[in-house]
Amino acid sequence: MGEDKNKNKNSFDSFKEWFEDHKLRAVGNILSPTLLINIFFYVLVYLIHKRCLWLSGMAASIAYNWSKPEKTSVKIIHAR
């Protein structure tokens, strides 16, 4: 009976389960780029599944921009 339940999970349910399992570890690293990229990836999968093409494009763009490290000059300017 439990196996049937696992087979019927969609990507959003998988994301919610993953988030519940990892939320305590993520509290200190809430702005960690890796965590944010993972969240955006699952949101992107969900939006594509629901055929929200415009929103999935926005989520992909944000995830891509957050995955790139900042230039050294930008880090120095923002450190002041």
N, C-alpha and C. Protein backbone atom coordinates (compact mmCIF):
# COMPACT_ATOMS: atom_id res chain seq x y z
N MET A 1 0.83 -1.19 0.00
CA MET A 1 0.00 0.00 0.00
C MET A 1 0.87 1.25 0.00
N GLY A 2 1.97 1.27 0.78
CA GLY A 2 2.85 2.43 0.84
C GLY A 2 3.57 2.67 -0.47
N GLU A 3 3.85 1.60 -1.22
CA GLU A 3 4.54 1.75 -2.50
C GLU A 3 3.68 2.49 -3.51
N ASP A 4 2.38 2.22 -3.52
CA ASP A 4 1.48 2.92 -4.44
C ASP A 4 1.45 4.41 -4.15
N LYS A 5 1.50 4.76 -2.88
CA LYS A 5 1.48 6.17 -2.49
C LYS A 5 2.72 6.88 -3.02
N ASN A 6 3.90 6.23 -2.91
CA ASN A 6 5.14 6.83 -3.39
C ASN A 6 5.16 6.97 -4.90
N LYS A 7 4.55 6.04 -5.62
CA LYS A 7 4.54 6.10 -7.08
C LYS A 7 3.69 7.26 -7.59
N ASN A 8 2.68 7.63 -6.84
CA ASN A 8 1.75 8.66 -7.29
C ASN A 8 2.17 10.08 -6.91
N LYS A 9 3.31 10.24 -6.27
CA LYS A 9 3.75 11.58 -5.88
C LYS A 9 4.18 12.38 -7.11
N ASN A 10 3.77 13.61 -7.16
CA ASN A 10 4.26 14.46 -8.24
C ASN A 10 5.47 15.26 -7.75
N SER A 11 6.03 16.06 -8.60
CA SER A 11 7.26 16.77 -8.25
C SER A 11 7.05 17.77 -7.12
N PHE A 12 5.88 18.40 -7.06
CA PHE A 12 5.65 19.37 -6.00
C PHE A 12 5.54 18.68 -4.65
N ASP A 13 4.89 17.51 -4.60
CA ASP A 13 4.82 16.75 -3.36
C ASP A 13 6.21 16.30 -2.92
N SER A 14 7.03 15.93 -3.89
CA SER A 14 8.41 15.54 -3.57
C SER A 14 9.17 16.72 -2.99
N PHE A 15 8.95 17.92 -3.57
CA PHE A 15 9.60 19.11 -3.06
C PHE A 15 9.15 19.41 -1.63
N LYS A 16 7.85 19.32 -1.38
CA LYS A 16 7.35 19.59 -0.03
C LYS A 16 7.94 18.60 0.97
N GLU A 17 8.06 17.34 0.59
CA GLU A 17 8.65 16.33 1.48
C GLU A 17 10.12 16.64 1.73
N TRP A 18 10.85 17.00 0.66
CA TRP A 18 12.27 17.33 0.81
C TRP A 18 12.43 18.54 1.73
N PHE A 19 11.58 19.56 1.54
CA PHE A 19 11.67 20.77 2.35
C PHE A 19 11.41 20.46 3.82
N GLU A 20 10.42 19.63 4.11
CA GLU A 20 10.12 19.25 5.49
C GLU A 20 11.30 18.51 6.11
N ASP A 21 11.96 17.65 5.34
CA ASP A 21 13.10 16.89 5.85
C ASP A 21 14.31 17.77 6.11
N HIS A 22 14.48 18.82 5.32
CA HIS A 22 15.70 19.62 5.38
C HIS A 22 15.51 21.01 5.99
N LYS A 23 14.32 21.38 6.42
CA LYS A 23 14.10 22.76 6.84
C LYS A 23 14.91 23.15 8.07
N LEU A 24 15.13 22.23 8.99
CA LEU A 24 15.91 22.58 10.18
C LEU A 24 17.36 22.84 9.84
N ARG A 25 17.90 22.09 8.89
CA ARG A 25 19.28 22.32 8.48
C ARG A 25 19.39 23.59 7.64
N ALA A 26 18.30 23.99 7.03
CA ALA A 26 18.33 25.15 6.14
C ALA A 26 18.09 26.46 6.86
N VAL A 27 17.70 26.43 8.12
CA VAL A 27 17.36 27.67 8.82
C VAL A 27 18.57 28.60 8.88
N GLY A 28 19.75 28.07 9.18
CA GLY A 28 20.95 28.89 9.25
C GLY A 28 21.47 29.31 7.90
N ASN A 29 21.13 28.56 6.87
CA ASN A 29 21.63 28.83 5.53
C ASN A 29 20.51 29.20 4.58
N ILE A 30 19.55 29.96 5.05
CA ILE A 30 18.36 30.22 4.24
C ILE A 30 18.71 30.96 2.95
N LEU A 31 19.76 31.76 2.97
CA LEU A 31 20.15 32.46 1.76
C LEU A 31 21.31 31.79 1.03
N SER A 32 21.59 30.55 1.38
CA SER A 32 22.65 29.82 0.70
C SER A 32 22.27 29.62 -0.77
N PRO A 33 23.17 29.91 -1.69
CA PRO A 33 22.85 29.77 -3.11
C PRO A 33 22.44 28.36 -3.50
N THR A 34 23.06 27.36 -2.90
CA THR A 34 22.71 25.98 -3.24
C THR A 34 21.28 25.67 -2.87
N LEU A 35 20.85 26.09 -1.70
CA LEU A 35 19.48 25.84 -1.27
C LEU A 35 18.49 26.58 -2.17
N LEU A 36 18.79 27.82 -2.49
CA LEU A 36 17.89 28.60 -3.34
C LEU A 36 17.79 28.01 -4.74
N ILE A 37 18.91 27.53 -5.28
CA ILE A 37 18.88 26.91 -6.60
C ILE A 37 18.05 25.65 -6.57
N ASN A 38 18.19 24.85 -5.51
CA ASN A 38 17.37 23.64 -5.40
C ASN A 38 15.89 23.98 -5.32
N ILE A 39 15.55 24.98 -4.55
CA ILE A 39 14.14 25.39 -4.44
C ILE A 39 13.62 25.86 -5.79
N PHE A 40 14.39 26.69 -6.49
CA PHE A 40 13.94 27.17 -7.79
C PHE A 40 13.84 26.03 -8.80
N PHE A 41 14.73 25.04 -8.70
CA PHE A 41 14.65 23.90 -9.61
C PHE A 41 13.33 23.17 -9.43
N TYR A 42 12.95 22.91 -8.18
CA TYR A 42 11.69 22.21 -7.95
C TYR A 42 10.48 23.07 -8.32
N VAL A 43 10.56 24.36 -8.09
CA VAL A 43 9.48 25.25 -8.52
C VAL A 43 9.38 25.25 -10.04
N LEU A 44 10.53 25.26 -10.71
CA LEU A 44 10.56 25.22 -12.17
C LEU A 44 9.92 23.95 -12.70
N VAL A 45 10.26 22.81 -12.11
CA VAL A 45 9.66 21.54 -12.53
C VAL A 45 8.15 21.58 -12.34
N TYR A 46 7.71 22.12 -11.22
CA TYR A 46 6.27 22.21 -10.94
C TYR A 46 5.58 23.12 -11.96
N LEU A 47 6.18 24.26 -12.26
CA LEU A 47 5.56 25.20 -13.20
C LEU A 47 5.50 24.62 -14.61
N ILE A 48 6.55 23.92 -15.02
CA ILE A 48 6.53 23.28 -16.33
C ILE A 48 5.45 22.21 -16.37
N HIS A 49 5.34 21.46 -15.27
CA HIS A 49 4.31 20.42 -15.19
C HIS A 49 2.92 21.03 -15.32
N LYS A 50 2.72 22.20 -14.77
CA LYS A 50 1.42 22.88 -14.83
C LYS A 50 1.27 23.75 -16.08
N ARG A 51 2.28 23.71 -16.97
CA ARG A 51 2.28 24.44 -18.22
C ARG A 51 2.23 25.97 -18.04
N CYS A 52 2.88 26.45 -17.03
CA CYS A 52 3.01 27.90 -16.81
C CYS A 52 4.35 28.33 -17.41
N LEU A 53 4.39 28.45 -18.72
CA LEU A 53 5.65 28.67 -19.42
C LEU A 53 6.31 29.99 -19.04
N TRP A 54 5.54 31.06 -18.93
CA TRP A 54 6.12 32.35 -18.60
C TRP A 54 6.75 32.33 -17.21
N LEU A 55 6.03 31.76 -16.23
CA LEU A 55 6.56 31.70 -14.86
C LEU A 55 7.76 30.77 -14.77
N SER A 56 7.74 29.67 -15.53
CA SER A 56 8.88 28.76 -15.49
C SER A 56 10.12 29.44 -16.07
N GLY A 57 9.93 30.28 -17.09
CA GLY A 57 11.05 31.04 -17.65
C GLY A 57 11.63 32.02 -16.64
N MET A 58 10.76 32.68 -15.90
CA MET A 58 11.22 33.61 -14.85
C MET A 58 11.98 32.86 -13.77
N ALA A 59 11.46 31.71 -13.33
CA ALA A 59 12.14 30.92 -12.29
C ALA A 59 13.49 30.43 -12.78
N ALA A 60 13.57 30.01 -14.03
CA ALA A 60 14.84 29.54 -14.59
C ALA A 60 15.84 30.69 -14.66
N SER A 61 15.39 31.87 -15.04
CA SER A 61 16.27 33.03 -15.12
C SER A 61 16.83 33.40 -13.75
N ILE A 62 15.97 33.42 -12.75
CA ILE A 62 16.42 33.75 -11.39
C ILE A 62 17.40 32.71 -10.88
N ALA A 63 17.09 31.43 -11.09
CA ALA A 63 17.99 30.36 -10.64
C ALA A 63 19.35 30.47 -11.32
N TYR A 64 19.35 30.78 -12.61
CA TYR A 64 20.61 30.91 -13.34
C TYR A 64 21.42 32.09 -12.82
N ASN A 65 20.77 33.23 -12.63
CA ASN A 65 21.49 34.42 -12.16
C ASN A 65 22.04 34.24 -10.75
N TRP A 66 21.33 33.54 -9.89
CA TRP A 66 21.81 33.31 -8.53
C TRP A 66 22.93 32.27 -8.48
N SER A 67 23.04 31.45 -9.52
CA SER A 67 24.08 30.42 -9.50
C SER A 67 25.44 30.98 -9.92
N LYS A 68 25.45 32.15 -10.57
CA LYS A 68 26.71 32.74 -11.01
C LYS A 68 27.34 33.51 -9.87
N PRO A 69 28.63 33.31 -9.61
CA PRO A 69 29.30 34.09 -8.56
C PRO A 69 29.47 35.54 -9.02
N GLU A 70 29.50 36.43 -8.05
CA GLU A 70 29.69 37.85 -8.36
C GLU A 70 31.14 38.11 -8.75
N LYS A 71 31.35 39.16 -9.53
CA LYS A 71 32.70 39.58 -9.87
C LYS A 71 33.37 40.15 -8.64
N THR A 72 34.70 40.08 -8.59
CA THR A 72 35.45 40.60 -7.45
C THR A 72 35.18 42.08 -7.25
N SER A 73 35.12 42.84 -8.33
CA SER A 73 34.90 44.29 -8.20
C SER A 73 33.54 44.58 -7.55
N VAL A 74 32.54 43.78 -7.87
CA VAL A 74 31.22 43.97 -7.27
C VAL A 74 31.28 43.65 -5.78
N LYS A 75 32.01 42.59 -5.41
CA LYS A 75 32.14 42.23 -4.00
C LYS A 75 32.83 43.35 -3.22
N ILE A 76 33.86 43.95 -3.81
CA ILE A 76 34.60 45.02 -3.12
C ILE A 76 33.71 46.24 -2.95
N ILE A 77 32.96 46.61 -3.97
CA ILE A 77 32.08 47.78 -3.88
C ILE A 77 31.03 47.57 -2.81
N HIS A 78 30.44 46.39 -2.76
CA HIS A 78 29.38 46.13 -1.78
C HIS A 78 29.92 45.89 -0.37
N ALA A 79 31.23 45.68 -0.23
CA ALA A 79 31.81 45.46 1.09
C ALA A 79 31.98 46.77 1.85
N ARG A 80 31.96 47.88 1.16
CA ARG A 80 32.20 49.18 1.81
C ARG A 80 31.05 49.65 2.59
